[in-house]
């Protein structure tokens, strides 16, 4: 029987090993490998965007090195803090990140703080860096979510919709199995399956849609922070409802932490959008336009200046002609007077 099953789509995956391959006896997990692919794709995209807009690529290479380190620490720390009931009893597992347990929001928060400090030290615009980088971030998130698929985690409660997915009950953490799942298990050839929402798939597809929206917004942005606001609102809108489907929510005071944070980011993103837009109107020179746009603006300004100069020349031309005519007339009059005086003397 298949290890993963999408019964309503007719898709069956016979084997889904968490280990991709081994090197010298060290297991390389799909989870880490897929996250690595997402990171590399994000780096390639941000460097391409930096080059396209005439920015220093080395600035982003240096930033990525710092951001990667602190994002991993932040993602794990966030997960451990809100799962302390478990890790307090199993402290040796705090550093076992190869098997999963990286919270996206923890990584995003750590990367944001890193970017703020980095830009302050380098005397660069945080808003420009953020607008350049966030499409790469959401692309990496879209790819990285597939690591949850191989780890058989981050799924939702029972469903029988078109995308319903089945995992063997023995392959998942029992703490993530709800009563609804247990009441609707399916047994085939002696294997008991739970049937769930593939929330990793929902979020991956949602993130890809947000990614394409941000790419369009990136090329038409009118003020600093516009693309960042799009990311905050777009990603959080998807996360706030997808998180509600999951059975492995990180809880605080009876509330799903990621849902609360997502709602706050939606409101914060909307407020920030209007604040930055108003700021751009009040202080036009504050917008860090890409060099390609600056060049176009400079070319347009030069064209206007040349047109004005041509108009001035055309306006001056009649005046010069009139002055020359007047000068010729004066010269002729002077010569006529000289002739008349000569004749009188004679």
C-alpha atoms as a PDB file:
ATOM      1  CA  UNK A   1       0.000   0.000   0.000  1.00  0.00           C
ATOM      2  CA  UNK A   2       1.140   3.590  -0.612  1.00  0.00           C
ATOM      3  CA  UNK A   3       2.912   5.525   2.107  1.00  0.00           C
ATOM      4  CA  UNK A   4       1.212   8.764   1.014  1.00  0.00           C
ATOM      5  CA  UNK A   5      -2.156   8.796  -0.666  1.00  0.00           C
ATOM      6  CA  UNK A   6      -4.345  11.455  -2.299  1.00  0.00           C
ATOM      7  CA  UNK A   7      -7.457   9.284  -2.771  1.00  0.00           C
ATOM      8  CA  UNK A   8      -9.704  11.891  -4.404  1.00  0.00           C
ATOM      9  CA  UNK A   9      -7.001  12.797  -6.917  1.00  0.00           C
ATOM     10  CA  UNK A  10      -6.017   9.201  -7.595  1.00  0.00           C
ATOM     11  CA  UNK A  11      -2.380   9.834  -6.597  1.00  0.00           C
ATOM     12  CA  UNK A  12      -0.429   7.210  -4.677  1.00  0.00           C
ATOM     13  CA  UNK A  13       3.187   7.468  -3.538  1.00  0.00           C
ATOM     14  CA  UNK A  14       4.533   4.042  -2.635  1.00  0.00           C
ATOM     15  CA  UNK A  15       7.513   5.228  -0.597  1.00  0.00           C
ATOM     16  CA  UNK A  16       8.394   8.540   1.028  1.00  0.00           C
ATOM     17  CA  UNK A  17      11.654   8.261   2.918  1.00  0.00           C
ATOM     18  CA  UNK A  18      12.647  11.204   5.102  1.00  0.00           C
ATOM     19  CA  UNK A  19      16.300  10.564   4.245  1.00  0.00           C
ATOM     20  CA  UNK A  20      17.392  11.709   0.769  1.00  0.00           C
ATOM     21  CA  UNK A  21      20.843  10.068   0.863  1.00  0.00           C
ATOM     22  CA  UNK A  22      23.798   9.492   3.149  1.00  0.00           C
ATOM     23  CA  UNK A  23      27.360  10.783   3.030  1.00  0.00           C
ATOM     24  CA  UNK A  24      29.932   8.909   5.086  1.00  0.00           C
ATOM     25  CA  UNK A  25      27.208   7.439   7.247  1.00  0.00           C
ATOM     26  CA  UNK A  26      25.608  10.854   7.841  1.00  0.00           C
ATOM     27  CA  UNK A  27      21.968  10.976   6.771  1.00  0.00           C
ATOM     28  CA  UNK A  28      20.931  13.963   4.670  1.00  0.00           C
ATOM     29  CA  UNK A  29      17.230  14.595   5.222  1.00  0.00           C
ATOM     30  CA  UNK A  30      14.853  15.832   2.541  1.00  0.00           C
ATOM     31  CA  UNK A  31      13.690  18.492   4.988  1.00  0.00           C
ATOM     32  CA  UNK A  32      17.074  20.199   5.141  1.00  0.00           C
ATOM     33  CA  UNK A  33      17.791  19.603   1.469  1.00  0.00           C
ATOM     34  CA  UNK A  34      14.553  21.259   0.336  1.00  0.00           C
ATOM     35  CA  UNK A  35      15.073  24.227   2.651  1.00  0.00           C
ATOM     36  CA  UNK A  36      18.571  24.553   1.176  1.00  0.00           C
ATOM     37  CA  UNK A  37      17.126  24.585  -2.351  1.00  0.00           C
ATOM     38  CA  UNK A  38      14.684  27.300  -1.282  1.00  0.00           C
ATOM     39  CA  UNK A  39      17.530  29.374   0.158  1.00  0.00           C
ATOM     40  CA  UNK A  40      19.629  29.051  -3.014  1.00  0.00           C
ATOM     41  CA  UNK A  41      16.662  30.011  -5.201  1.00  0.00           C
ATOM     42  CA  UNK A  42      16.046  33.059  -3.023  1.00  0.00           C
ATOM     43  CA  UNK A  43      19.705  34.123  -3.167  1.00  0.00           C
ATOM     44  CA  UNK A  44      19.798  33.787  -6.959  1.00  0.00           C
ATOM     45  CA  UNK A  45      16.650  35.892  -7.305  1.00  0.00           C
ATOM     46  CA  UNK A  46      17.727  38.686  -4.954  1.00  0.00           C
ATOM     47  CA  UNK A  47      21.110  38.990  -6.689  1.00  0.00           C
ATOM     48  CA  UNK A  48      19.346  39.156 -10.059  1.00  0.00           C
ATOM     49  CA  UNK A  49      17.042  41.895  -8.783  1.00  0.00           C
ATOM     50  CA  UNK A  50      19.964  43.835  -7.283  1.00  0.00           C
ATOM     51  CA  UNK A  51      21.757  43.715 -10.641  1.00  0.00           C
ATOM     52  CA  UNK A  52      18.603  44.687 -12.555  1.00  0.00           C
ATOM     53  CA  UNK A  53      18.092  47.768 -10.409  1.00  0.00           C
ATOM     54  CA  UNK A  54      21.741  48.833 -10.402  1.00  0.00           C
ATOM     55  CA  UNK A  55      22.444  47.981  -6.763  1.00  0.00           C
ATOM     56  CA  UNK A  56      25.619  46.550  -5.269  1.00  0.00           C
ATOM     57  CA  UNK A  57      25.296  42.750  -5.311  1.00  0.00           C
ATOM     58  CA  UNK A  58      28.050  42.383  -2.692  1.00  0.00           C
ATOM     59  CA  UNK A  59      25.816  44.262  -0.255  1.00  0.00           C
ATOM     60  CA  UNK A  60      23.200  41.522  -0.572  1.00  0.00           C
ATOM     61  CA  UNK A  61      25.717  38.668  -0.473  1.00  0.00           C
ATOM     62  CA  UNK A  62      27.048  39.957   2.850  1.00  0.00           C
ATOM     63  CA  UNK A  63      23.522  40.448   4.187  1.00  0.00           C
ATOM     64  CA  UNK A  64      22.452  36.917   3.221  1.00  0.00           C
ATOM     65  CA  UNK A  65      25.391  35.426   5.135  1.00  0.00           C
ATOM     66  CA  UNK A  66      24.289  37.158   8.332  1.00  0.00           C
ATOM     67  CA  UNK A  67      20.571  36.663   7.724  1.00  0.00           C
ATOM     68  CA  UNK A  68      20.897  32.908   7.163  1.00  0.00           C
ATOM     69  CA  UNK A  69      22.670  32.343  10.460  1.00  0.00           C
ATOM     70  CA  UNK A  70      20.313  34.446  12.561  1.00  0.00           C
ATOM     71  CA  UNK A  71      17.190  33.259  10.727  1.00  0.00           C
ATOM     72  CA  UNK A  72      17.921  29.612  11.541  1.00  0.00           C
ATOM     73  CA  UNK A  73      18.589  30.540  15.169  1.00  0.00           C
ATOM     74  CA  UNK A  74      15.426  32.652  15.295  1.00  0.00           C
ATOM     75  CA  UNK A  75      13.256  30.000  13.626  1.00  0.00           C
ATOM     76  CA  UNK A  76      14.393  27.311  16.052  1.00  0.00           C
ATOM     77  CA  UNK A  77      14.215  29.588  19.089  1.00  0.00           C
ATOM     78  CA  UNK A  78      10.643  30.614  18.220  1.00  0.00           C
ATOM     79  CA  UNK A  79       9.623  26.957  17.876  1.00  0.00           C
ATOM     80  CA  UNK A  80      11.323  25.886  21.110  1.00  0.00           C
ATOM     81  CA  UNK A  81       9.878  28.772  23.158  1.00  0.00           C
ATOM     82  CA  UNK A  82       6.299  28.007  22.167  1.00  0.00           C
ATOM     83  CA  UNK A  83       6.855  24.255  22.547  1.00  0.00           C
ATOM     84  CA  UNK A  84       8.641  24.488  25.874  1.00  0.00           C
ATOM     85  CA  UNK A  85       6.251  22.044  27.513  1.00  0.00           C
ATOM     86  CA  UNK A  86       7.917  19.380  25.372  1.00  0.00           C
ATOM     87  CA  UNK A  87      11.494  20.684  25.117  1.00  0.00           C
ATOM     88  CA  UNK A  88      11.649  21.397  28.834  1.00  0.00           C
ATOM     89  CA  UNK A  89      11.427  17.636  29.325  1.00  0.00           C
ATOM     90  CA  UNK A  90      13.649  16.801  26.316  1.00  0.00           C
ATOM     91  CA  UNK A  91      16.385  19.493  26.323  1.00  0.00           C
ATOM     92  CA  UNK A  92      18.783  17.366  24.276  1.00  0.00           C
ATOM     93  CA  UNK A  93      16.416  17.679  21.284  1.00  0.00           C
ATOM     94  CA  UNK A  94      16.554  21.489  21.185  1.00  0.00           C
ATOM     95  CA  UNK A  95      19.388  21.410  18.653  1.00  0.00           C
ATOM     96  CA  UNK A  96      18.000  18.536  16.532  1.00  0.00           C
ATOM     97  CA  UNK A  97      16.913  20.807  13.692  1.00  0.00           C
ATOM     98  CA  UNK A  98      17.619  18.288  10.920  1.00  0.00           C
ATOM     99  CA  UNK A  99      14.382  16.523  11.768  1.00  0.00           C
ATOM    100  CA  UNK A 100      12.219  19.656  11.571  1.00  0.00           C
ATOM    101  CA  UNK A 101      10.942  22.243  13.998  1.00  0.00           C
ATOM    102  CA  UNK A 102      11.800  25.553  12.343  1.00  0.00           C
ATOM    103  CA  UNK A 103       9.086  28.192  12.681  1.00  0.00           C
ATOM    104  CA  UNK A 104       8.848  30.500   9.661  1.00  0.00           C
ATOM    105  CA  UNK A 105       7.801  33.517  11.682  1.00  0.00           C
ATOM    106  CA  UNK A 106      10.788  33.161  13.983  1.00  0.00           C
ATOM    107  CA  UNK A 107      13.083  33.201  10.963  1.00  0.00           C
ATOM    108  CA  UNK A 108      11.315  36.208   9.427  1.00  0.00           C
ATOM    109  CA  UNK A 109      11.517  38.191  12.673  1.00  0.00           C
ATOM    110  CA  UNK A 110      15.226  37.393  13.050  1.00  0.00           C
ATOM    111  CA  UNK A 111      15.930  38.293   9.397  1.00  0.00           C
ATOM    112  CA  UNK A 112      14.085  41.611   9.793  1.00  0.00           C
ATOM    113  CA  UNK A 113      16.076  42.578  12.894  1.00  0.00           C
ATOM    114  CA  UNK A 114      19.270  41.562  11.093  1.00  0.00           C
ATOM    115  CA  UNK A 115      18.343  43.735   8.101  1.00  0.00           C
ATOM    116  CA  UNK A 116      17.602  46.776  10.291  1.00  0.00           C
ATOM    117  CA  UNK A 117      20.942  46.522  12.097  1.00  0.00           C
ATOM    118  CA  UNK A 118      22.852  45.704   8.897  1.00  0.00           C
ATOM    119  CA  UNK A 119      21.435  48.716   7.041  1.00  0.00           C
ATOM    120  CA  UNK A 120      22.157  51.007   9.971  1.00  0.00           C
ATOM    121  CA  UNK A 121      25.796  49.865  10.087  1.00  0.00           C
ATOM    122  CA  UNK A 122      26.187  50.080   6.292  1.00  0.00           C
ATOM    123  CA  UNK A 123      24.274  53.393   6.053  1.00  0.00           C
ATOM    124  CA  UNK A 124      21.831  51.900   3.558  1.00  0.00           C
ATOM    125  CA  UNK A 125      18.070  52.133   3.178  1.00  0.00           C
ATOM    126  CA  UNK A 126      16.287  49.344   5.014  1.00  0.00           C
ATOM    127  CA  UNK A 127      13.168  49.913   2.900  1.00  0.00           C
ATOM    128  CA  UNK A 128      15.034  49.506  -0.378  1.00  0.00           C
ATOM    129  CA  UNK A 129      16.731  46.342   0.852  1.00  0.00           C
ATOM    130  CA  UNK A 130      13.406  44.934   2.064  1.00  0.00           C
ATOM    131  CA  UNK A 131      11.611  45.755  -1.197  1.00  0.00           C
ATOM    132  CA  UNK A 132      14.395  44.024  -3.110  1.00  0.00           C
ATOM    133  CA  UNK A 133      14.545  40.935  -0.878  1.00  0.00           C
ATOM    134  CA  UNK A 134      10.984  39.970   0.103  1.00  0.00           C
ATOM    135  CA  UNK A 135      10.015  38.321  -3.227  1.00  0.00           C
ATOM    136  CA  UNK A 136      13.036  36.044  -2.722  1.00  0.00           C
ATOM    137  CA  UNK A 137      11.897  35.335   0.832  1.00  0.00           C
ATOM    138  CA  UNK A 138       8.390  34.250  -0.174  1.00  0.00           C
ATOM    139  CA  UNK A 139       9.826  32.089  -2.985  1.00  0.00           C
ATOM    140  CA  UNK A 140      12.063  30.326  -0.477  1.00  0.00           C
ATOM    141  CA  UNK A 141       9.074  29.800   1.814  1.00  0.00           C
ATOM    142  CA  UNK A 142       7.016  28.310  -1.024  1.00  0.00           C
ATOM    143  CA  UNK A 143       9.770  25.790  -1.791  1.00  0.00           C
ATOM    144  CA  UNK A 144      10.668  25.098   1.829  1.00  0.00           C
ATOM    145  CA  UNK A 145       7.112  24.046   2.752  1.00  0.00           C
ATOM    146  CA  UNK A 146       7.656  20.803   0.831  1.00  0.00           C
ATOM    147  CA  UNK A 147      10.110  19.788   3.532  1.00  0.00           C
ATOM    148  CA  UNK A 148       7.070  19.363   5.802  1.00  0.00           C
ATOM    149  CA  UNK A 149       5.614  16.949   3.263  1.00  0.00           C
ATOM    150  CA  UNK A 150       8.620  14.625   3.511  1.00  0.00           C
ATOM    151  CA  UNK A 151       8.641  14.947   7.303  1.00  0.00           C
ATOM    152  CA  UNK A 152       4.917  14.082   7.431  1.00  0.00           C
ATOM    153  CA  UNK A 153       4.133  17.147   9.525  1.00  0.00           C
ATOM    154  CA  UNK A 154       2.337  20.500   9.383  1.00  0.00           C
ATOM    155  CA  UNK A 155      -0.912  18.971   8.180  1.00  0.00           C
ATOM    156  CA  UNK A 156      -4.486  19.932   8.988  1.00  0.00           C
ATOM    157  CA  UNK A 157      -7.455  18.202  10.551  1.00  0.00           C
ATOM    158  CA  UNK A 158      -9.683  15.625   8.875  1.00  0.00           C
ATOM    159  CA  UNK A 159     -11.159  16.482   5.489  1.00  0.00           C
ATOM    160  CA  UNK A 160     -12.634  14.711   2.516  1.00  0.00           C
ATOM    161  CA  UNK A 161     -12.140  17.521   0.013  1.00  0.00           C
ATOM    162  CA  UNK A 162     -10.513  17.128  -3.393  1.00  0.00           C
ATOM    163  CA  UNK A 163      -6.988  17.465  -1.991  1.00  0.00           C
ATOM    164  CA  UNK A 164      -7.447  15.173   1.027  1.00  0.00           C
ATOM    165  CA  UNK A 165      -4.195  13.383   1.907  1.00  0.00           C
ATOM    166  CA  UNK A 166      -3.586  10.168   3.807  1.00  0.00           C
ATOM    167  CA  UNK A 167      -0.587   9.340   6.010  1.00  0.00           C
ATOM    168  CA  UNK A 168      -0.053   6.067   7.887  1.00  0.00           C
ATOM    169  CA  UNK A 169      -1.060   6.706  11.507  1.00  0.00           C
ATOM    170  CA  UNK A 170       2.152   5.064  12.682  1.00  0.00           C
ATOM    171  CA  UNK A 171       4.265   7.586  10.729  1.00  0.00           C
ATOM    172  CA  UNK A 172       3.031  10.799  12.370  1.00  0.00           C
ATOM    173  CA  UNK A 173       3.391  12.335  15.825  1.00  0.00           C
ATOM    174  CA  UNK A 174       0.468  11.235  17.979  1.00  0.00           C
ATOM    175  CA  UNK A 175       0.288  14.688  19.549  1.00  0.00           C
ATOM    176  CA  UNK A 176      -0.790  16.077  16.169  1.00  0.00           C
ATOM    177  CA  UNK A 177      -3.599  13.537  15.681  1.00  0.00           C
ATOM    178  CA  UNK A 178      -7.057  14.924  16.514  1.00  0.00           C
ATOM    179  CA  UNK A 179     -10.170  13.102  17.599  1.00  0.00           C
ATOM    180  CA  UNK A 180     -11.763  13.806  14.208  1.00  0.00           C
ATOM    181  CA  UNK A 181      -8.855  12.028  12.502  1.00  0.00           C
ATOM    182  CA  UNK A 182      -9.156   8.993  14.758  1.00  0.00           C
ATOM    183  CA  UNK A 183     -12.894   8.780  14.092  1.00  0.00           C
ATOM    184  CA  UNK A 184     -12.274   8.790  10.329  1.00  0.00           C
ATOM    185  CA  UNK A 185      -9.253   6.534   9.927  1.00  0.00           C
ATOM    186  CA  UNK A 186      -9.079   4.302   6.869  1.00  0.00           C
ATOM    187  CA  UNK A 187      -7.566   0.815   6.988  1.00  0.00           C
ATOM    188  CA  UNK A 188      -6.187  -0.759   3.822  1.00  0.00           C
ATOM    189  CA  UNK A 189      -4.241  -4.041   3.770  1.00  0.00           C
ATOM    190  CA  UNK A 190      -3.712  -3.816   7.501  1.00  0.00           C
ATOM    191  CA  UNK A 191      -2.344  -0.227   7.387  1.00  0.00           C
ATOM    192  CA  UNK A 192      -4.309   2.440   9.280  1.00  0.00           C
ATOM    193  CA  UNK A 193      -4.344   5.881   7.660  1.00  0.00           C
ATOM    194  CA  UNK A 194      -5.408   9.304   8.828  1.00  0.00           C
ATOM    195  CA  UNK A 195      -6.978  11.596   6.216  1.00  0.00           C
ATOM    196  CA  UNK A 196      -6.045  15.280   6.517  1.00  0.00           C
ATOM    197  CA  UNK A 197      -5.756  18.713   4.931  1.00  0.00           C
ATOM    198  CA  UNK A 198      -2.356  18.988   3.134  1.00  0.00           C
ATOM    199  CA  UNK A 199      -1.772  22.444   4.613  1.00  0.00           C
ATOM    200  CA  UNK A 200       1.847  22.432   3.430  1.00  0.00           C
ATOM    201  CA  UNK A 201       0.464  22.304  -0.122  1.00  0.00           C
ATOM    202  CA  UNK A 202      -2.072  25.079   0.513  1.00  0.00           C
ATOM    203  CA  UNK A 203       0.606  27.372   1.883  1.00  0.00           C
ATOM    204  CA  UNK A 204       3.118  26.549  -0.855  1.00  0.00           C
ATOM    205  CA  UNK A 205       0.600  27.392  -3.595  1.00  0.00           C
ATOM    206  CA  UNK A 206      -0.549  30.516  -1.739  1.00  0.00           C
ATOM    207  CA  UNK A 207       3.056  31.694  -1.358  1.00  0.00           C
ATOM    208  CA  UNK A 208       3.707  31.188  -5.068  1.00  0.00           C
ATOM    209  CA  UNK A 209       0.690  33.364  -5.892  1.00  0.00           C
ATOM    210  CA  UNK A 210       1.948  36.063  -3.507  1.00  0.00           C
ATOM    211  CA  UNK A 211       5.399  35.731  -5.089  1.00  0.00           C
ATOM    212  CA  UNK A 212       4.111  36.576  -8.581  1.00  0.00           C
ATOM    213  CA  UNK A 213       2.099  39.506  -7.219  1.00  0.00           C
ATOM    214  CA  UNK A 214       5.212  40.865  -5.488  1.00  0.00           C
ATOM    215  CA  UNK A 215       7.252  40.531  -8.680  1.00  0.00           C
ATOM    216  CA  UNK A 216       4.728  42.721 -10.512  1.00  0.00           C
ATOM    217  CA  UNK A 217       4.606  45.159  -7.611  1.00  0.00           C
ATOM    218  CA  UNK A 218       8.398  45.301  -7.485  1.00  0.00           C
ATOM    219  CA  UNK A 219       8.570  46.633 -11.031  1.00  0.00           C
ATOM    220  CA  UNK A 220       5.865  49.233 -10.482  1.00  0.00           C
ATOM    221  CA  UNK A 221       6.597  50.402  -6.957  1.00  0.00           C
ATOM    222  CA  UNK A 222       6.072  54.085  -6.294  1.00  0.00           C
ATOM    223  CA  UNK A 223       7.492  54.438  -2.788  1.00  0.00           C
ATOM    224  CA  UNK A 224       9.903  52.722  -0.401  1.00  0.00           C
ATOM    225  CA  UNK A 225       8.364  49.879   1.592  1.00  0.00           C
ATOM    226  CA  UNK A 226       5.571  49.210  -0.905  1.00  0.00           C
ATOM    227  CA  UNK A 227       6.705  45.660  -1.749  1.00  0.00           C
ATOM    228  CA  UNK A 228       7.370  44.894   1.922  1.00  0.00           C
ATOM    229  CA  UNK A 229       3.811  45.912   2.767  1.00  0.00           C
ATOM    230  CA  UNK A 230       2.568  43.621  -0.005  1.00  0.00           C
ATOM    231  CA  UNK A 231       4.507  40.744   1.541  1.00  0.00           C
ATOM    232  CA  UNK A 232       3.244  41.394   5.073  1.00  0.00           C
ATOM    233  CA  UNK A 233      -0.386  41.588   3.986  1.00  0.00           C
ATOM    234  CA  UNK A 234      -0.264  38.848   1.336  1.00  0.00           C
ATOM    235  CA  UNK A 235       1.590  36.196   3.318  1.00  0.00           C
ATOM    236  CA  UNK A 236      -0.310  36.856   6.549  1.00  0.00           C
ATOM    237  CA  UNK A 237      -3.706  36.672   4.808  1.00  0.00           C
ATOM    238  CA  UNK A 238      -2.926  33.128   3.706  1.00  0.00           C
ATOM    239  CA  UNK A 239      -1.304  32.066   6.950  1.00  0.00           C
ATOM    240  CA  UNK A 240      -4.132  33.303   9.173  1.00  0.00           C
ATOM    241  CA  UNK A 241      -6.648  30.862   7.660  1.00  0.00           C
ATOM    242  CA  UNK A 242      -4.264  27.981   6.855  1.00  0.00           C
ATOM    243  CA  UNK A 243      -2.990  28.003  10.429  1.00  0.00           C
ATOM    244  CA  UNK A 244      -6.565  27.525  11.605  1.00  0.00           C
ATOM    245  CA  UNK A 245      -6.654  24.141   9.824  1.00  0.00           C
ATOM    246  CA  UNK A 246      -3.493  22.762  11.411  1.00  0.00           C
ATOM    247  CA  UNK A 247      -3.371  20.466  14.420  1.00  0.00           C
ATOM    248  CA  UNK A 248       0.218  21.305  15.432  1.00  0.00           C
ATOM    249  CA  UNK A 249      -0.395  24.955  16.289  1.00  0.00           C
ATOM    250  CA  UNK A 250       2.013  26.668  18.674  1.00  0.00           C
ATOM    251  CA  UNK A 251      -0.252  27.923  21.460  1.00  0.00           C
ATOM    252  CA  UNK A 252      -0.040  30.810  23.908  1.00  0.00           C
ATOM    253  CA  UNK A 253      -2.869  31.375  26.346  1.00  0.00           C
ATOM    254  CA  UNK A 254      -5.207  29.202  24.316  1.00  0.00           C
ATOM    255  CA  UNK A 255      -4.560  31.125  21.081  1.00  0.00           C
ATOM    256  CA  UNK A 256      -2.628  30.001  18.010  1.00  0.00           C
ATOM    257  CA  UNK A 257       0.453  32.214  18.053  1.00  0.00           C
ATOM    258  CA  UNK A 258       0.853  32.304  14.269  1.00  0.00           C
ATOM    259  CA  UNK A 259      -2.791  33.294  13.760  1.00  0.00           C
ATOM    260  CA  UNK A 260      -2.506  36.176  16.224  1.00  0.00           C
ATOM    261  CA  UNK A 261       0.774  37.300  14.676  1.00  0.00           C
ATOM    262  CA  UNK A 262      -0.674  37.028  11.158  1.00  0.00           C
ATOM    263  CA  UNK A 263      -3.657  39.202  12.092  1.00  0.00           C
ATOM    264  CA  UNK A 264      -1.278  41.778  13.588  1.00  0.00           C
ATOM    265  CA  UNK A 265       0.876  41.755  10.429  1.00  0.00           C
ATOM    266  CA  UNK A 266      -2.158  42.333   8.205  1.00  0.00           C
ATOM    267  CA  UNK A 267      -3.166  45.405  10.214  1.00  0.00           C
ATOM    268  CA  UNK A 268       0.448  46.554  10.518  1.00  0.00           C
ATOM    269  CA  UNK A 269       1.034  46.116   6.783  1.00  0.00           C
ATOM    270  CA  UNK A 270      -2.052  48.184   5.902  1.00  0.00           C
ATOM    271  CA  UNK A 271      -1.082  50.995   8.283  1.00  0.00           C
ATOM    272  CA  UNK A 272       2.533  50.966   7.071  1.00  0.00           C
ATOM    273  CA  UNK A 273       1.355  51.119   3.434  1.00  0.00           C
ATOM    274  CA  UNK A 274      -0.545  54.365   3.940  1.00  0.00           C
ATOM    275  CA  UNK A 275       2.167  55.867   6.168  1.00  0.00           C
ATOM    276  CA  UNK A 276       4.926  55.219   3.599  1.00  0.00           C
ATOM    277  CA  UNK A 277       2.720  56.355   0.717  1.00  0.00           C
ATOM    278  CA  UNK A 278       1.947  59.642   2.487  1.00  0.00           C
ATOM    279  CA  UNK A 279       5.621  60.072   3.360  1.00  0.00           C
ATOM    280  CA  UNK A 280       6.544  59.683  -0.315  1.00  0.00           C
ATOM    281  CA  UNK A 281       4.053  62.430  -1.276  1.00  0.00           C
ATOM    282  CA  UNK A 282       5.271  64.833   1.414  1.00  0.00           C
ATOM    283  CA  UNK A 283       8.969  64.145   0.762  1.00  0.00           C
ATOM    284  CA  UNK A 284       9.358  63.227  -2.929  1.00  0.00           C
ATOM    285  CA  UNK A 285      13.145  62.918  -2.672  1.00  0.00           C
ATOM    286  CA  UNK A 286      12.896  60.102  -0.122  1.00  0.00           C
ATOM    287  CA  UNK A 287      12.017  57.427  -2.713  1.00  0.00           C
ATOM    288  CA  UNK A 288      14.987  55.221  -3.624  1.00  0.00           C
ATOM    289  CA  UNK A 289      14.030  54.616  -7.238  1.00  0.00           C
ATOM    290  CA  UNK A 290      15.963  51.943  -9.160  1.00  0.00           C
ATOM    291  CA  UNK A 291      18.734  53.322 -11.346  1.00  0.00           C
ATOM    292  CA  UNK A 292      16.948  52.248 -14.502  1.00  0.00           C
ATOM    293  CA  UNK A 293      14.032  54.448 -13.470  1.00  0.00           C
ATOM    294  CA  UNK A 294      16.365  57.220 -12.449  1.00  0.00           C
ATOM    295  CA  UNK A 295      17.989  57.101 -15.872  1.00  0.00           C
ATOM    296  CA  UNK A 296      14.618  57.330 -17.571  1.00  0.00           C
ATOM    297  CA  UNK A 297      13.694  60.294 -15.412  1.00  0.00           C
ATOM    298  CA  UNK A 298      17.001  61.984 -16.121  1.00  0.00           C
ATOM    299  CA  UNK A 299      16.563  61.394 -19.850  1.00  0.00           C
ATOM    300  CA  UNK A 300      13.093  62.923 -19.719  1.00  0.00           C
ATOM    301  CA  UNK A 301      14.395  65.918 -17.791  1.00  0.00           C
ATOM    302  CA  UNK A 302      17.209  66.376 -20.315  1.00  0.00           C
ATOM    303  CA  UNK A 303      14.700  66.233 -23.148  1.00  0.00           C
ATOM    304  CA  UNK A 304      12.610  68.943 -21.479  1.00  0.00           C
ATOM    305  CA  UNK A 305      15.690  71.120 -21.019  1.00  0.00           C
ATOM    306  CA  UNK A 306      16.687  70.713 -24.679  1.00  0.00           C
ATOM    307  CA  UNK A 307      13.152  71.614 -25.783  1.00  0.00           C
ATOM    308  CA  UNK A 308      13.248  74.733 -23.619  1.00  0.00           C
ATOM    309  CA  UNK A 309      16.604  75.764 -25.056  1.00  0.00           C
ATOM    310  CA  UNK A 310      15.328  75.261 -28.598  1.00  0.00           C
ATOM    311  CA  UNK A 311      12.299  77.406 -27.803  1.00  0.00           C
ATOM    312  CA  UNK A 312      14.578  80.133 -26.428  1.00  0.00           C
ATOM    313  CA  UNK A 313      16.662  80.050 -29.591  1.00  0.00           C
ATOM    314  CA  UNK A 314      13.567  80.358 -31.730  1.00  0.00           C
ATOM    315  CA  UNK A 315      12.360  83.233 -29.589  1.00  0.00           C
ATOM    316  CA  UNK A 316      15.738  84.938 -29.810  1.00  0.00           C
ATOM    317  CA  UNK A 317      16.017  84.506 -33.605  1.00  0.00           C
ATOM    318  CA  UNK A 318      13.521  87.281 -34.562  1.00  0.00           C
ATOM    319  CA  UNK A 319      15.124  89.635 -32.054  1.00  0.00           C
ATOM    320  CA  UNK A 320      18.556  89.069 -33.537  1.00  0.00           C
ATOM    321  CA  UNK A 321      17.213  89.641 -37.048  1.00  0.00           C
ATOM    322  CA  UNK A 322      15.534  92.856 -35.955  1.00  0.00           C
ATOM    323  CA  UNK A 323      18.718  94.062 -34.253  1.00  0.00           C
ATOM    324  CA  UNK A 324      20.750  93.314 -37.375  1.00  0.00           C
ATOM    325  CA  UNK A 325      18.247  95.179 -39.565  1.00  0.00           C
ATOM    326  CA  UNK A 326      18.320  98.142 -37.211  1.00  0.00           C
ATOM    327  CA  UNK A 327      22.100  98.131 -37.245  1.00  0.00           C
ATOM    328  CA  UNK A 328      22.175  98.062 -41.045  1.00  0.00           C
ATOM    329  CA  UNK A 329      19.695 100.934 -41.213  1.00  0.00           C
ATOM    330  CA  UNK A 330      21.782 102.966 -38.766  1.00  0.00           C
ATOM    331  CA  UNK A 331      24.885 102.309 -40.826  1.00  0.00           C
ATOM    332  CA  UNK A 332      23.126 103.382 -44.024  1.00  0.00           C
ATOM    333  CA  UNK A 333      21.842 106.552 -42.357  1.00  0.00           C
ATOM    334  CA  UNK A 334      25.303 107.386 -41.122  1.00  0.00           C
ATOM    335  CA  UNK A 335      26.778 106.955 -44.584  1.00  0.00           C
ATOM    336  CA  UNK A 336      24.019 109.103 -46.091  1.00  0.00           C
ATOM    337  CA  UNK A 337      24.754 111.901 -43.600  1.00  0.00           C
ATOM    338  CA  UNK A 338      28.440 111.783 -44.442  1.00  0.00           C
ATOM    339  CA  UNK A 339      27.676 112.132 -48.160  1.00  0.00           C
ATOM    340  CA  UNK A 340      25.341 115.050 -47.548  1.00  0.00           C
ATOM    341  CA  UNK A 341      27.974 116.892 -45.492  1.00  0.00           C
ATOM    342  CA  UNK A 342      30.549 116.315 -48.195  1.00  0.00           C
ATOM    343  CA  UNK A 343      28.270 117.798 -50.816  1.00  0.00           C
ATOM    344  CA  UNK A 344      27.547 120.859 -48.627  1.00  0.00           C
ATOM    345  CA  UNK A 345      31.247 121.519 -48.138  1.00  0.00           C
ATOM    346  CA  UNK A 346      31.755 121.439 -51.842  1.00  0.00           C
END
